C-alpha cells in the first residue's frame, strides 16, 4: 500500500504523515505540499522539514494562480487583515457563511489534484487532516464529514477505484489529534500553523488559538510557544 499525504506543515497534516509512516513505512509514503498564494511561506518550509524528518519523498505544486480571483484574507494579494480572534467569535458575524480565512474550495482543489498525482505515483490512498473543529459552524465547510464522503466517492469513481481518500481525523477534535501525535512523537517543534509569517506564532489568530488550546487540553505546552 502506498499513501500520498497532503502536508501543509501544520499539526493536523504532520500527524497524518506520522500515522502514515508508522502504519505503512516511510518507503511507501509521499508528502505533497501546495502553495495557494498565502501571505507567507513558513508553512511550506515546515512541510519540507517534516518530510525530511520522516525521510519521505516530498512533492510541491504552486496553485496560486487559481485563487487570484479571491479576496480571502490569507492570500498575498488581499489587503484584508487576518482576524485575531477564535473561529467561534468570527462565526458570530458571518451569518452562517465561512470565515474570512476560508480559501474558496481549497480542499476540493487540493484533493482533486492529489488524486491525479496519486494515480501517477502508484498510491492507493490519499490522507488529509480535516477535523471536526474546523468544520464546526461551517467555518471551513470543506473540512466536514459530508464533504469528505462526497469527495471520496467522486475520486474513487473518477479513478476507476484506483485511489480513495482517508480523513482519519474528520470526526476528531484538535485535542484528539495532538494526543495521537504525542503518542507517535510527531516533531511538533518543526511544524507551523500561524496565519502570520512572523518569527514566532502570533498566538491570536484562529488557528493559533485552537492549537494552543489543544496542547493545553493534553496537559502540555505547544513547543512553539515555549
N, C-alpha and C. Protein backbone atom coordinates (compact mmCIF):
# COMPACT_ATOMS: atom_id res chain seq x y z
N UNK A 1 0.84 -1.20 0.00
CA UNK A 1 0.00 0.00 0.00
C UNK A 1 0.87 1.25 0.00
N UNK A 2 0.61 2.16 -0.93
CA UNK A 2 1.32 3.43 -0.97
C UNK A 2 0.34 4.56 -0.65
N UNK A 3 0.82 5.54 0.11
CA UNK A 3 -0.03 6.63 0.59
C UNK A 3 0.54 7.98 0.20
N UNK A 4 -0.33 8.85 -0.29
CA UNK A 4 0.03 10.24 -0.55
C UNK A 4 -0.61 11.09 0.53
N UNK A 5 0.20 11.86 1.25
CA UNK A 5 -0.29 12.68 2.35
C UNK A 5 -0.26 14.15 1.96
N UNK A 6 -1.41 14.82 2.03
CA UNK A 6 -1.44 16.27 1.83
C UNK A 6 -0.82 16.93 3.06
N UNK A 7 0.27 17.63 2.87
CA UNK A 7 1.02 18.19 4.00
C UNK A 7 1.13 19.70 3.91
N UNK A 8 0.56 20.39 4.90
CA UNK A 8 0.65 21.85 4.96
C UNK A 8 1.77 22.31 5.88
N UNK A 9 2.32 21.37 6.65
CA UNK A 9 3.34 21.73 7.62
C UNK A 9 2.77 22.03 8.99
N UNK A 10 1.44 21.90 9.15
CA UNK A 10 0.81 22.17 10.43
C UNK A 10 0.62 20.92 11.27
N UNK A 11 -0.06 21.08 12.39
CA UNK A 11 -0.27 19.99 13.35
C UNK A 11 -1.04 18.82 12.72
N UNK A 12 -2.14 19.11 12.06
CA UNK A 12 -3.03 18.06 11.58
C UNK A 12 -2.38 17.21 10.49
N UNK A 13 -1.85 17.87 9.47
CA UNK A 13 -1.26 17.11 8.37
C UNK A 13 0.03 16.41 8.79
N UNK A 14 0.78 17.01 9.70
CA UNK A 14 2.01 16.37 10.18
C UNK A 14 1.69 15.13 11.00
N UNK A 15 0.59 15.17 11.74
CA UNK A 15 0.16 13.99 12.47
C UNK A 15 -0.29 12.90 11.49
N UNK A 16 -0.99 13.31 10.42
CA UNK A 16 -1.36 12.37 9.36
C UNK A 16 -0.12 11.70 8.78
N UNK A 17 0.90 12.50 8.52
CA UNK A 17 2.13 11.97 7.95
C UNK A 17 2.79 10.98 8.91
N UNK A 18 2.82 11.35 10.19
CA UNK A 18 3.39 10.44 11.18
C UNK A 18 2.64 9.13 11.27
N UNK A 19 1.30 9.20 11.19
CA UNK A 19 0.48 7.99 11.22
C UNK A 19 0.73 7.12 10.00
N UNK A 20 0.83 7.76 8.83
CA UNK A 20 1.06 7.01 7.60
C UNK A 20 2.40 6.29 7.62
N UNK A 21 3.43 6.99 8.06
CA UNK A 21 4.77 6.39 8.15
C UNK A 21 4.77 5.25 9.16
N UNK A 22 4.09 5.47 10.28
CA UNK A 22 4.03 4.44 11.32
C UNK A 22 3.31 3.18 10.83
N UNK A 23 2.28 3.36 9.99
CA UNK A 23 1.48 2.23 9.54
C UNK A 23 2.04 1.55 8.28
N UNK A 24 2.58 2.35 7.36
CA UNK A 24 2.97 1.79 6.06
C UNK A 24 4.48 1.80 5.80
N UNK A 25 5.24 2.53 6.63
CA UNK A 25 6.68 2.63 6.40
C UNK A 25 7.01 3.79 5.48
N UNK A 26 8.13 4.47 5.74
CA UNK A 26 8.46 5.69 5.01
C UNK A 26 8.63 5.46 3.51
N UNK A 27 9.04 4.25 3.13
CA UNK A 27 9.25 3.96 1.71
C UNK A 27 7.94 3.91 0.93
N UNK A 28 6.82 3.85 1.64
CA UNK A 28 5.50 3.77 1.00
C UNK A 28 4.67 5.04 1.18
N UNK A 29 5.33 6.11 1.60
CA UNK A 29 4.62 7.37 1.88
C UNK A 29 5.25 8.51 1.07
N UNK A 30 4.38 9.32 0.46
CA UNK A 30 4.81 10.52 -0.27
C UNK A 30 4.09 11.72 0.34
N UNK A 31 4.83 12.80 0.55
CA UNK A 31 4.26 14.04 1.06
C UNK A 31 4.05 15.01 -0.09
N UNK A 32 2.86 15.62 -0.15
CA UNK A 32 2.55 16.60 -1.20
C UNK A 32 2.13 17.92 -0.57
N UNK A 33 2.87 18.99 -0.87
CA UNK A 33 2.54 20.32 -0.37
C UNK A 33 2.18 21.22 -1.53
N UNK A 34 1.25 22.14 -1.29
CA UNK A 34 0.80 23.04 -2.35
C UNK A 34 0.74 24.47 -1.85
N UNK A 35 1.24 25.36 -2.69
CA UNK A 35 1.09 26.79 -2.42
C UNK A 35 -0.24 27.25 -2.99
N UNK A 36 -0.94 28.10 -2.24
CA UNK A 36 -2.19 28.65 -2.76
C UNK A 36 -2.13 30.18 -2.79
N UNK A 37 -0.89 30.71 -2.73
CA UNK A 37 -0.73 32.16 -2.77
C UNK A 37 -0.83 32.79 -1.40
N UNK A 38 -0.54 32.03 -0.36
CA UNK A 38 -0.63 32.54 1.01
C UNK A 38 0.41 33.64 1.28
N UNK A 39 0.16 34.41 2.34
CA UNK A 39 0.97 35.58 2.63
C UNK A 39 2.39 35.27 3.09
N UNK A 40 2.64 34.04 3.49
CA UNK A 40 4.00 33.68 3.91
C UNK A 40 4.28 32.24 3.49
N UNK A 41 5.53 31.87 3.53
CA UNK A 41 5.96 30.54 3.09
C UNK A 41 6.41 29.65 4.25
N UNK A 42 6.19 30.10 5.48
CA UNK A 42 6.72 29.35 6.62
C UNK A 42 6.10 27.96 6.75
N UNK A 43 4.82 27.84 6.39
CA UNK A 43 4.19 26.52 6.49
C UNK A 43 4.75 25.57 5.44
N UNK A 44 5.10 26.11 4.26
CA UNK A 44 5.70 25.26 3.23
C UNK A 44 7.10 24.81 3.63
N UNK A 45 7.84 25.71 4.29
CA UNK A 45 9.16 25.34 4.81
C UNK A 45 9.00 24.25 5.87
N UNK A 46 7.99 24.39 6.71
CA UNK A 46 7.73 23.39 7.75
C UNK A 46 7.41 22.04 7.12
N UNK A 47 6.61 22.04 6.05
CA UNK A 47 6.25 20.79 5.38
C UNK A 47 7.50 20.09 4.84
N UNK A 48 8.42 20.86 4.28
CA UNK A 48 9.68 20.27 3.79
C UNK A 48 10.49 19.68 4.93
N UNK A 49 10.52 20.40 6.05
CA UNK A 49 11.28 19.92 7.20
C UNK A 49 10.67 18.64 7.79
N UNK A 50 9.35 18.58 7.81
CA UNK A 50 8.67 17.38 8.33
C UNK A 50 8.95 16.18 7.42
N UNK A 51 8.88 16.40 6.10
CA UNK A 51 9.15 15.32 5.15
C UNK A 51 10.59 14.84 5.31
N UNK A 52 11.50 15.77 5.50
CA UNK A 52 12.92 15.40 5.69
C UNK A 52 13.09 14.62 6.98
N UNK A 53 12.40 15.03 8.03
CA UNK A 53 12.47 14.34 9.31
C UNK A 53 12.06 12.88 9.17
N UNK A 54 10.98 12.64 8.43
CA UNK A 54 10.47 11.28 8.27
C UNK A 54 11.16 10.52 7.13
N UNK A 55 11.94 11.22 6.33
CA UNK A 55 12.65 10.56 5.24
C UNK A 55 11.77 10.11 4.11
N UNK A 56 10.72 10.91 3.83
CA UNK A 56 9.79 10.55 2.75
C UNK A 56 9.98 11.49 1.56
N UNK A 57 9.54 11.03 0.40
CA UNK A 57 9.59 11.86 -0.80
C UNK A 57 8.67 13.06 -0.64
N UNK A 58 9.16 14.23 -1.03
CA UNK A 58 8.38 15.45 -0.90
C UNK A 58 8.12 16.06 -2.27
N UNK A 59 6.83 16.28 -2.59
CA UNK A 59 6.43 16.90 -3.85
C UNK A 59 5.84 18.28 -3.56
N UNK A 60 5.93 19.17 -4.54
CA UNK A 60 5.42 20.53 -4.35
C UNK A 60 4.75 21.03 -5.63
N UNK A 61 3.62 21.71 -5.46
CA UNK A 61 2.92 22.34 -6.58
C UNK A 61 2.52 23.76 -6.20
N UNK A 62 2.54 24.66 -7.16
CA UNK A 62 2.10 26.04 -6.95
C UNK A 62 0.76 26.24 -7.65
N UNK A 63 -0.30 26.40 -6.86
CA UNK A 63 -1.65 26.58 -7.41
C UNK A 63 -2.18 27.99 -7.17
N UNK A 64 -1.28 28.92 -6.89
CA UNK A 64 -1.68 30.27 -6.51
C UNK A 64 -2.55 30.95 -7.56
N UNK A 65 -2.27 30.71 -8.83
CA UNK A 65 -2.99 31.39 -9.91
C UNK A 65 -4.49 31.13 -9.85
N UNK A 66 -4.87 29.94 -9.38
CA UNK A 66 -6.29 29.59 -9.34
C UNK A 66 -7.06 30.46 -8.36
N UNK A 67 -6.37 30.95 -7.32
CA UNK A 67 -7.05 31.71 -6.28
C UNK A 67 -6.91 33.23 -6.45
N UNK A 68 -6.45 33.67 -7.62
CA UNK A 68 -6.20 35.10 -7.80
C UNK A 68 -7.48 35.93 -7.82
N UNK A 69 -8.62 35.27 -8.01
CA UNK A 69 -9.90 35.99 -8.03
C UNK A 69 -10.49 36.16 -6.63
N UNK A 70 -9.91 35.47 -5.64
CA UNK A 70 -10.42 35.51 -4.28
C UNK A 70 -9.81 36.64 -3.47
N UNK A 71 -10.59 37.19 -2.54
CA UNK A 71 -10.07 38.21 -1.63
C UNK A 71 -9.94 37.66 -0.22
N UNK A 72 -9.75 36.35 -0.12
CA UNK A 72 -9.54 35.72 1.18
C UNK A 72 -8.38 36.40 1.91
N UNK A 73 -8.54 36.64 3.19
CA UNK A 73 -7.54 37.38 3.96
C UNK A 73 -6.20 36.67 4.10
N UNK A 74 -6.15 35.37 3.79
CA UNK A 74 -4.88 34.64 3.87
C UNK A 74 -4.00 34.86 2.65
N UNK A 75 -4.57 35.36 1.57
CA UNK A 75 -3.85 35.43 0.31
C UNK A 75 -2.98 36.68 0.20
N UNK A 76 -1.86 36.52 -0.46
CA UNK A 76 -0.85 37.58 -0.53
C UNK A 76 -1.37 38.84 -1.22
N UNK A 77 -2.28 38.68 -2.18
CA UNK A 77 -2.77 39.85 -2.90
C UNK A 77 -3.92 40.57 -2.20
N UNK A 78 -4.40 40.00 -1.10
CA UNK A 78 -5.52 40.60 -0.36
C UNK A 78 -5.01 41.65 0.64
N UNK A 79 -5.76 42.75 0.76
CA UNK A 79 -5.38 43.75 1.76
C UNK A 79 -6.22 43.63 3.02
N UNK A 80 -6.99 42.54 3.12
CA UNK A 80 -7.77 42.30 4.33
C UNK A 80 -6.86 41.85 5.48
N UNK A 81 -7.20 42.26 6.68
CA UNK A 81 -6.45 41.82 7.85
C UNK A 81 -6.91 40.42 8.26
N UNK A 82 -5.96 39.62 8.72
CA UNK A 82 -6.29 38.30 9.25
C UNK A 82 -6.91 38.49 10.64
N UNK A 83 -8.10 37.96 10.89
CA UNK A 83 -8.76 38.14 12.20
C UNK A 83 -7.93 37.56 13.34
N UNK A 84 -7.85 38.31 14.42
CA UNK A 84 -7.16 37.85 15.62
C UNK A 84 -8.20 37.53 16.69
N UNK A 85 -8.98 36.49 16.42
CA UNK A 85 -9.99 36.01 17.35
C UNK A 85 -10.36 34.58 16.98
N UNK A 86 -11.02 33.89 17.88
CA UNK A 86 -11.36 32.48 17.66
C UNK A 86 -12.33 32.34 16.51
N UNK A 87 -12.40 31.11 15.95
CA UNK A 87 -13.35 30.85 14.88
C UNK A 87 -14.78 31.04 15.37
N UNK A 88 -15.05 30.63 16.60
CA UNK A 88 -16.39 30.77 17.16
C UNK A 88 -16.81 32.24 17.18
N UNK A 89 -15.88 33.09 17.57
CA UNK A 89 -16.16 34.53 17.61
C UNK A 89 -16.39 35.07 16.20
N UNK A 90 -15.58 34.61 15.26
CA UNK A 90 -15.72 35.07 13.88
C UNK A 90 -17.07 34.65 13.30
N UNK A 91 -17.51 33.44 13.63
CA UNK A 91 -18.76 32.92 13.06
C UNK A 91 -19.99 33.67 13.56
N UNK A 92 -19.84 34.37 14.67
CA UNK A 92 -20.95 35.16 15.18
C UNK A 92 -21.34 36.28 14.21
N UNK A 93 -20.38 36.64 13.35
CA UNK A 93 -20.63 37.76 12.43
C UNK A 93 -20.72 37.34 10.96
N UNK A 94 -20.73 36.03 10.70
CA UNK A 94 -20.75 35.59 9.30
C UNK A 94 -22.12 35.18 8.79
N UNK A 95 -23.10 35.08 9.68
CA UNK A 95 -24.46 34.68 9.30
C UNK A 95 -24.46 33.33 8.57
N UNK A 96 -23.64 32.41 9.06
CA UNK A 96 -23.65 31.06 8.53
C UNK A 96 -22.71 30.81 7.36
N UNK A 97 -22.05 31.84 6.89
CA UNK A 97 -21.09 31.65 5.80
C UNK A 97 -19.70 31.37 6.39
N UNK A 98 -18.77 30.84 5.59
CA UNK A 98 -17.43 30.55 6.10
C UNK A 98 -16.71 31.79 6.61
N UNK A 99 -15.67 31.58 7.41
CA UNK A 99 -14.88 32.68 7.95
C UNK A 99 -14.01 33.28 6.84
N UNK A 100 -13.44 34.46 7.10
CA UNK A 100 -12.70 35.18 6.05
C UNK A 100 -11.40 34.49 5.66
N UNK A 101 -10.95 33.52 6.46
CA UNK A 101 -9.74 32.78 6.13
C UNK A 101 -10.03 31.49 5.37
N UNK A 102 -11.28 31.32 4.96
CA UNK A 102 -11.66 30.19 4.10
C UNK A 102 -11.21 30.49 2.67
N UNK A 103 -10.32 29.66 2.15
CA UNK A 103 -9.86 29.81 0.76
C UNK A 103 -10.83 29.01 -0.11
N UNK A 104 -11.49 29.64 -1.10
CA UNK A 104 -12.59 29.01 -1.83
C UNK A 104 -12.31 27.61 -2.37
N UNK A 105 -12.99 26.64 -1.78
CA UNK A 105 -12.94 25.24 -2.21
C UNK A 105 -11.51 24.69 -2.28
N UNK A 106 -10.66 25.19 -1.41
CA UNK A 106 -9.25 24.80 -1.45
C UNK A 106 -9.06 23.30 -1.30
N UNK A 107 -9.72 22.70 -0.31
CA UNK A 107 -9.53 21.26 -0.11
C UNK A 107 -10.05 20.44 -1.29
N UNK A 108 -11.12 20.94 -1.92
CA UNK A 108 -11.63 20.24 -3.11
C UNK A 108 -10.59 20.24 -4.22
N UNK A 109 -9.97 21.41 -4.43
CA UNK A 109 -8.93 21.51 -5.45
C UNK A 109 -7.72 20.66 -5.09
N UNK A 110 -7.29 20.76 -3.83
CA UNK A 110 -6.13 20.00 -3.38
C UNK A 110 -6.35 18.50 -3.55
N UNK A 111 -7.51 18.02 -3.15
CA UNK A 111 -7.79 16.59 -3.23
C UNK A 111 -7.88 16.11 -4.67
N UNK A 112 -8.50 16.91 -5.54
CA UNK A 112 -8.59 16.53 -6.95
C UNK A 112 -7.20 16.46 -7.58
N UNK A 113 -6.38 17.45 -7.26
CA UNK A 113 -5.01 17.47 -7.76
C UNK A 113 -4.23 16.28 -7.22
N UNK A 114 -4.40 16.03 -5.92
CA UNK A 114 -3.70 14.91 -5.29
C UNK A 114 -4.11 13.58 -5.90
N UNK A 115 -5.37 13.46 -6.30
CA UNK A 115 -5.84 12.21 -6.90
C UNK A 115 -5.09 11.92 -8.19
N UNK A 116 -4.91 12.93 -9.01
CA UNK A 116 -4.18 12.75 -10.27
C UNK A 116 -2.75 12.32 -10.00
N UNK A 117 -2.10 12.97 -9.04
CA UNK A 117 -0.71 12.64 -8.71
C UNK A 117 -0.63 11.25 -8.07
N UNK A 118 -1.58 10.93 -7.21
CA UNK A 118 -1.58 9.62 -6.54
C UNK A 118 -1.64 8.49 -7.57
N UNK A 119 -2.53 8.63 -8.55
CA UNK A 119 -2.63 7.61 -9.59
C UNK A 119 -1.31 7.48 -10.34
N UNK A 120 -0.73 8.62 -10.68
CA UNK A 120 0.53 8.62 -11.44
C UNK A 120 1.69 8.03 -10.65
N UNK A 121 1.65 8.20 -9.31
CA UNK A 121 2.75 7.73 -8.46
C UNK A 121 2.46 6.36 -7.84
N UNK A 122 1.35 5.75 -8.23
CA UNK A 122 1.03 4.42 -7.73
C UNK A 122 0.55 4.36 -6.29
N UNK A 123 -0.03 5.46 -5.81
CA UNK A 123 -0.58 5.49 -4.44
C UNK A 123 -2.06 5.11 -4.47
N UNK A 124 -2.48 4.31 -3.52
CA UNK A 124 -3.88 3.87 -3.46
C UNK A 124 -4.73 4.71 -2.50
N UNK A 125 -4.07 5.47 -1.63
CA UNK A 125 -4.78 6.22 -0.60
C UNK A 125 -4.23 7.65 -0.52
N UNK A 126 -5.13 8.61 -0.31
CA UNK A 126 -4.76 10.00 -0.03
C UNK A 126 -5.17 10.30 1.40
N UNK A 127 -4.22 10.71 2.22
CA UNK A 127 -4.50 11.13 3.59
C UNK A 127 -4.58 12.66 3.64
N UNK A 128 -5.58 13.19 4.36
CA UNK A 128 -5.54 14.62 4.67
C UNK A 128 -6.15 14.86 6.04
N UNK A 129 -5.77 15.99 6.65
CA UNK A 129 -6.01 16.18 8.08
C UNK A 129 -7.23 16.98 8.48
N UNK A 130 -8.30 16.97 7.69
CA UNK A 130 -9.52 17.67 8.07
C UNK A 130 -10.04 17.15 9.40
N UNK A 131 -10.56 18.05 10.24
CA UNK A 131 -11.09 17.62 11.55
C UNK A 131 -12.33 18.41 11.92
N UNK A 132 -13.03 17.92 12.93
CA UNK A 132 -14.36 18.43 13.25
C UNK A 132 -14.35 19.86 13.77
N UNK A 133 -13.28 20.29 14.44
CA UNK A 133 -13.23 21.66 14.95
C UNK A 133 -13.26 22.67 13.82
N UNK A 134 -12.58 22.38 12.72
CA UNK A 134 -12.56 23.29 11.58
C UNK A 134 -13.90 23.28 10.84
N UNK A 135 -14.57 22.13 10.81
CA UNK A 135 -15.84 22.02 10.11
C UNK A 135 -16.99 22.66 10.88
N UNK A 136 -16.87 22.73 12.21
CA UNK A 136 -17.96 23.18 13.07
C UNK A 136 -18.45 24.58 12.69
N UNK A 137 -19.77 24.71 12.59
CA UNK A 137 -20.35 26.01 12.30
C UNK A 137 -20.06 26.52 10.91
N UNK A 138 -19.63 25.64 10.01
CA UNK A 138 -19.31 26.00 8.62
C UNK A 138 -18.16 26.98 8.50
N UNK A 139 -17.25 27.00 9.49
CA UNK A 139 -16.06 27.83 9.39
C UNK A 139 -15.29 27.44 8.13
N UNK A 140 -15.08 26.14 7.98
CA UNK A 140 -14.42 25.59 6.79
C UNK A 140 -15.25 24.40 6.31
N UNK A 141 -16.24 24.64 5.45
CA UNK A 141 -17.14 23.57 5.02
C UNK A 141 -16.43 22.44 4.27
N UNK A 142 -15.25 22.73 3.70
CA UNK A 142 -14.53 21.67 3.00
C UNK A 142 -13.66 20.84 3.94
N UNK A 143 -14.01 20.89 5.23
CA UNK A 143 -13.39 20.00 6.22
C UNK A 143 -14.42 19.08 6.86
N UNK A 144 -15.65 19.15 6.40
CA UNK A 144 -16.74 18.40 7.02
C UNK A 144 -16.74 16.93 6.60
N UNK A 145 -17.43 16.13 7.39
CA UNK A 145 -17.58 14.71 7.08
C UNK A 145 -18.37 14.52 5.78
N UNK A 146 -19.40 15.34 5.58
CA UNK A 146 -20.21 15.25 4.36
C UNK A 146 -19.37 15.56 3.12
N UNK A 147 -18.55 16.58 3.22
CA UNK A 147 -17.65 16.93 2.10
C UNK A 147 -16.67 15.80 1.84
N UNK A 148 -16.11 15.24 2.90
CA UNK A 148 -15.13 14.17 2.74
C UNK A 148 -15.76 12.96 2.05
N UNK A 149 -16.96 12.60 2.47
CA UNK A 149 -17.63 11.45 1.86
C UNK A 149 -17.92 11.69 0.38
N UNK A 150 -18.36 12.91 0.06
CA UNK A 150 -18.68 13.25 -1.34
C UNK A 150 -17.42 13.22 -2.20
N UNK A 151 -16.33 13.80 -1.70
CA UNK A 151 -15.09 13.82 -2.46
C UNK A 151 -14.51 12.42 -2.61
N UNK A 152 -14.64 11.62 -1.57
CA UNK A 152 -14.13 10.25 -1.64
C UNK A 152 -14.88 9.46 -2.72
N UNK A 153 -16.20 9.64 -2.76
CA UNK A 153 -16.98 8.95 -3.77
C UNK A 153 -16.58 9.41 -5.18
N UNK A 154 -16.42 10.72 -5.35
CA UNK A 154 -16.06 11.26 -6.66
C UNK A 154 -14.69 10.76 -7.11
N UNK A 155 -13.73 10.78 -6.20
CA UNK A 155 -12.37 10.38 -6.55
C UNK A 155 -12.28 8.87 -6.78
N UNK A 156 -12.97 8.10 -5.95
CA UNK A 156 -12.97 6.65 -6.14
C UNK A 156 -13.60 6.28 -7.47
N UNK A 157 -14.75 6.91 -7.78
CA UNK A 157 -15.42 6.64 -9.06
C UNK A 157 -14.58 7.15 -10.23
N UNK A 158 -14.07 8.38 -10.09
CA UNK A 158 -13.33 9.01 -11.18
C UNK A 158 -11.99 8.37 -11.48
N UNK A 159 -11.47 7.62 -10.52
CA UNK A 159 -10.18 6.94 -10.72
C UNK A 159 -10.36 5.47 -11.07
N UNK A 160 -11.62 5.06 -11.25
CA UNK A 160 -11.87 3.64 -11.52
C UNK A 160 -11.48 2.76 -10.36
N UNK A 161 -11.62 3.31 -9.15
CA UNK A 161 -11.31 2.54 -7.94
C UNK A 161 -9.82 2.43 -7.63
N UNK A 162 -9.01 3.21 -8.33
CA UNK A 162 -7.57 3.12 -8.11
C UNK A 162 -7.11 3.82 -6.84
N UNK A 163 -7.85 4.86 -6.43
CA UNK A 163 -7.42 5.63 -5.26
C UNK A 163 -8.65 6.09 -4.47
N UNK A 164 -8.46 6.22 -3.16
CA UNK A 164 -9.53 6.69 -2.29
C UNK A 164 -8.96 7.69 -1.28
N UNK A 165 -9.85 8.39 -0.60
CA UNK A 165 -9.45 9.35 0.42
C UNK A 165 -9.63 8.75 1.80
N UNK A 166 -8.72 9.06 2.69
CA UNK A 166 -8.90 8.77 4.11
C UNK A 166 -8.64 10.05 4.89
N UNK A 167 -9.62 10.45 5.69
CA UNK A 167 -9.50 11.61 6.57
C UNK A 167 -9.66 11.09 7.99
N UNK A 168 -8.59 10.56 8.58
CA UNK A 168 -8.70 9.87 9.87
C UNK A 168 -9.19 10.74 11.02
N UNK A 169 -9.12 12.06 10.84
CA UNK A 169 -9.49 12.96 11.94
C UNK A 169 -10.83 13.66 11.72
N UNK A 170 -11.56 13.28 10.68
CA UNK A 170 -12.72 14.06 10.28
C UNK A 170 -13.76 14.17 11.39
N UNK A 171 -13.80 13.20 12.30
CA UNK A 171 -14.72 13.27 13.44
C UNK A 171 -13.98 13.46 14.76
N UNK A 172 -12.72 13.86 14.68
CA UNK A 172 -11.90 14.13 15.87
C UNK A 172 -11.83 15.64 16.11
N UNK A 173 -11.48 15.98 17.35
CA UNK A 173 -11.17 17.37 17.68
C UNK A 173 -9.66 17.57 17.57
N UNK A 174 -9.23 18.82 17.63
CA UNK A 174 -7.80 19.12 17.60
C UNK A 174 -7.10 18.50 18.83
N UNK A 175 -7.80 18.46 19.93
CA UNK A 175 -7.26 17.82 21.13
C UNK A 175 -6.94 16.35 20.85
N UNK A 176 -7.84 15.66 20.19
CA UNK A 176 -7.64 14.24 19.86
C UNK A 176 -6.42 14.05 18.95
N UNK A 177 -6.28 14.97 17.99
CA UNK A 177 -5.16 14.88 17.04
C UNK A 177 -3.83 15.05 17.76
N UNK A 178 -3.74 16.05 18.61
CA UNK A 178 -2.50 16.29 19.34
C UNK A 178 -2.18 15.12 20.26
N UNK A 179 -3.21 14.55 20.88
CA UNK A 179 -2.97 13.38 21.74
C UNK A 179 -2.35 12.24 20.95
N UNK A 180 -2.90 11.98 19.76
CA UNK A 180 -2.36 10.92 18.91
C UNK A 180 -0.93 11.25 18.47
N UNK A 181 -0.70 12.50 18.11
CA UNK A 181 0.62 12.90 17.68
C UNK A 181 1.66 12.79 18.77
N UNK A 182 1.28 13.11 19.98
CA UNK A 182 2.20 12.98 21.11
C UNK A 182 2.56 11.51 21.34
N UNK A 183 1.58 10.64 21.14
CA UNK A 183 1.84 9.20 21.27
C UNK A 183 2.85 8.73 20.22
N UNK A 184 2.78 9.33 19.02
CA UNK A 184 3.66 8.94 17.92
C UNK A 184 4.96 9.75 17.88
N UNK A 185 5.11 10.66 18.83
CA UNK A 185 6.30 11.53 18.87
C UNK A 185 6.46 12.35 17.60
N UNK A 186 5.35 12.86 17.09
CA UNK A 186 5.40 13.76 15.94
C UNK A 186 6.19 15.01 16.32
N UNK A 187 7.15 15.45 15.49
CA UNK A 187 8.01 16.59 15.85
C UNK A 187 7.28 17.93 15.69
N UNK A 188 6.39 18.21 16.63
CA UNK A 188 5.59 19.43 16.53
C UNK A 188 6.43 20.70 16.57
N UNK A 189 7.65 20.58 17.08
CA UNK A 189 8.53 21.75 17.12
C UNK A 189 8.94 22.19 15.70
N UNK A 190 8.77 21.31 14.72
CA UNK A 190 9.12 21.63 13.33
C UNK A 190 7.92 22.17 12.55
N UNK A 191 6.74 22.11 13.13
CA UNK A 191 5.52 22.49 12.41
C UNK A 191 5.26 23.99 12.47
N UNK A 192 4.33 24.44 11.66
CA UNK A 192 3.91 25.85 11.68
C UNK A 192 2.43 25.92 11.33
N UNK A 193 1.65 26.61 12.16
CA UNK A 193 0.21 26.74 11.93
C UNK A 193 -0.25 28.18 11.78
N UNK A 194 0.46 29.11 12.35
CA UNK A 194 0.03 30.52 12.42
C UNK A 194 -0.19 31.11 11.03
N UNK A 195 -1.25 31.91 10.90
CA UNK A 195 -1.55 32.56 9.63
C UNK A 195 -0.63 33.74 9.35
N UNK A 196 0.06 34.21 10.37
CA UNK A 196 1.02 35.28 10.19
C UNK A 196 2.40 34.68 9.91
N UNK A 197 3.26 35.43 9.26
CA UNK A 197 4.58 34.92 8.92
C UNK A 197 5.69 35.48 9.79
N UNK A 198 5.38 35.81 11.02
CA UNK A 198 6.36 36.39 11.93
C UNK A 198 7.33 35.32 12.45
N UNK A 199 8.35 35.76 13.20
CA UNK A 199 9.35 34.83 13.70
C UNK A 199 8.74 33.79 14.63
N UNK A 200 7.78 34.23 15.44
CA UNK A 200 7.09 33.32 16.35
C UNK A 200 5.59 33.41 16.08
N UNK A 201 4.83 32.35 16.39
CA UNK A 201 3.38 32.39 16.18
C UNK A 201 2.75 33.58 16.91
N UNK A 202 1.75 34.19 16.28
CA UNK A 202 1.12 35.36 16.89
C UNK A 202 0.34 35.01 18.14
N UNK A 203 -0.18 33.77 18.20
CA UNK A 203 -0.95 33.34 19.36
C UNK A 203 -2.36 33.90 19.40
N UNK A 204 -2.75 34.66 18.36
CA UNK A 204 -4.03 35.36 18.40
C UNK A 204 -4.97 35.01 17.25
N UNK A 205 -4.44 34.48 16.15
CA UNK A 205 -5.32 34.12 15.03
C UNK A 205 -6.08 32.83 15.37
N UNK A 206 -7.10 32.52 14.59
CA UNK A 206 -7.95 31.37 14.91
C UNK A 206 -7.19 30.07 15.04
N UNK A 207 -6.27 29.81 14.13
CA UNK A 207 -5.55 28.55 14.16
C UNK A 207 -4.56 28.48 15.32
N UNK A 208 -3.97 29.61 15.69
CA UNK A 208 -3.09 29.64 16.87
C UNK A 208 -3.88 29.34 18.13
N UNK A 209 -5.04 29.97 18.25
CA UNK A 209 -5.88 29.77 19.44
C UNK A 209 -6.26 28.31 19.59
N UNK A 210 -6.69 27.68 18.50
CA UNK A 210 -7.07 26.26 18.54
C UNK A 210 -5.89 25.38 18.88
N UNK A 211 -4.74 25.68 18.30
CA UNK A 211 -3.54 24.87 18.52
C UNK A 211 -3.07 24.95 19.97
N UNK A 212 -2.98 26.15 20.48
CA UNK A 212 -2.53 26.34 21.87
C UNK A 212 -3.45 25.60 22.83
N UNK A 213 -4.76 25.70 22.59
CA UNK A 213 -5.74 25.06 23.46
C UNK A 213 -5.64 23.54 23.38
N UNK A 214 -5.38 23.01 22.20
CA UNK A 214 -5.27 21.55 22.03
C UNK A 214 -4.12 20.98 22.84
N UNK A 215 -2.99 21.66 22.82
CA UNK A 215 -1.86 21.21 23.64
C UNK A 215 -2.17 21.35 25.13
N UNK A 216 -2.80 22.44 25.49
CA UNK A 216 -3.17 22.66 26.89
C UNK A 216 -4.09 21.56 27.40
N UNK A 217 -5.07 21.17 26.58
CA UNK A 217 -6.02 20.12 26.98
C UNK A 217 -5.34 18.76 27.10
N UNK A 218 -4.16 18.62 26.52
CA UNK A 218 -3.39 17.39 26.65
C UNK A 218 -2.33 17.49 27.74
N UNK A 219 -2.45 18.53 28.55
CA UNK A 219 -1.56 18.68 29.70
C UNK A 219 -0.14 19.09 29.37
N UNK A 220 0.03 19.76 28.22
CA UNK A 220 1.37 20.17 27.83
C UNK A 220 1.30 21.52 27.14
N UNK A 221 2.45 22.05 26.74
CA UNK A 221 2.54 23.36 26.09
C UNK A 221 2.98 23.20 24.64
N UNK A 222 2.37 23.95 23.77
CA UNK A 222 2.79 23.96 22.38
C UNK A 222 4.28 24.30 22.32
N UNK A 223 5.11 23.45 21.71
CA UNK A 223 6.55 23.68 21.70
C UNK A 223 6.95 25.00 21.03
N UNK A 224 6.09 25.53 20.17
CA UNK A 224 6.42 26.80 19.52
C UNK A 224 6.11 28.00 20.41
N UNK A 225 5.44 27.77 21.52
CA UNK A 225 5.07 28.85 22.42
C UNK A 225 5.90 28.87 23.70
N UNK A 226 6.89 27.99 23.78
CA UNK A 226 7.73 27.92 24.98
C UNK A 226 8.75 29.05 24.96
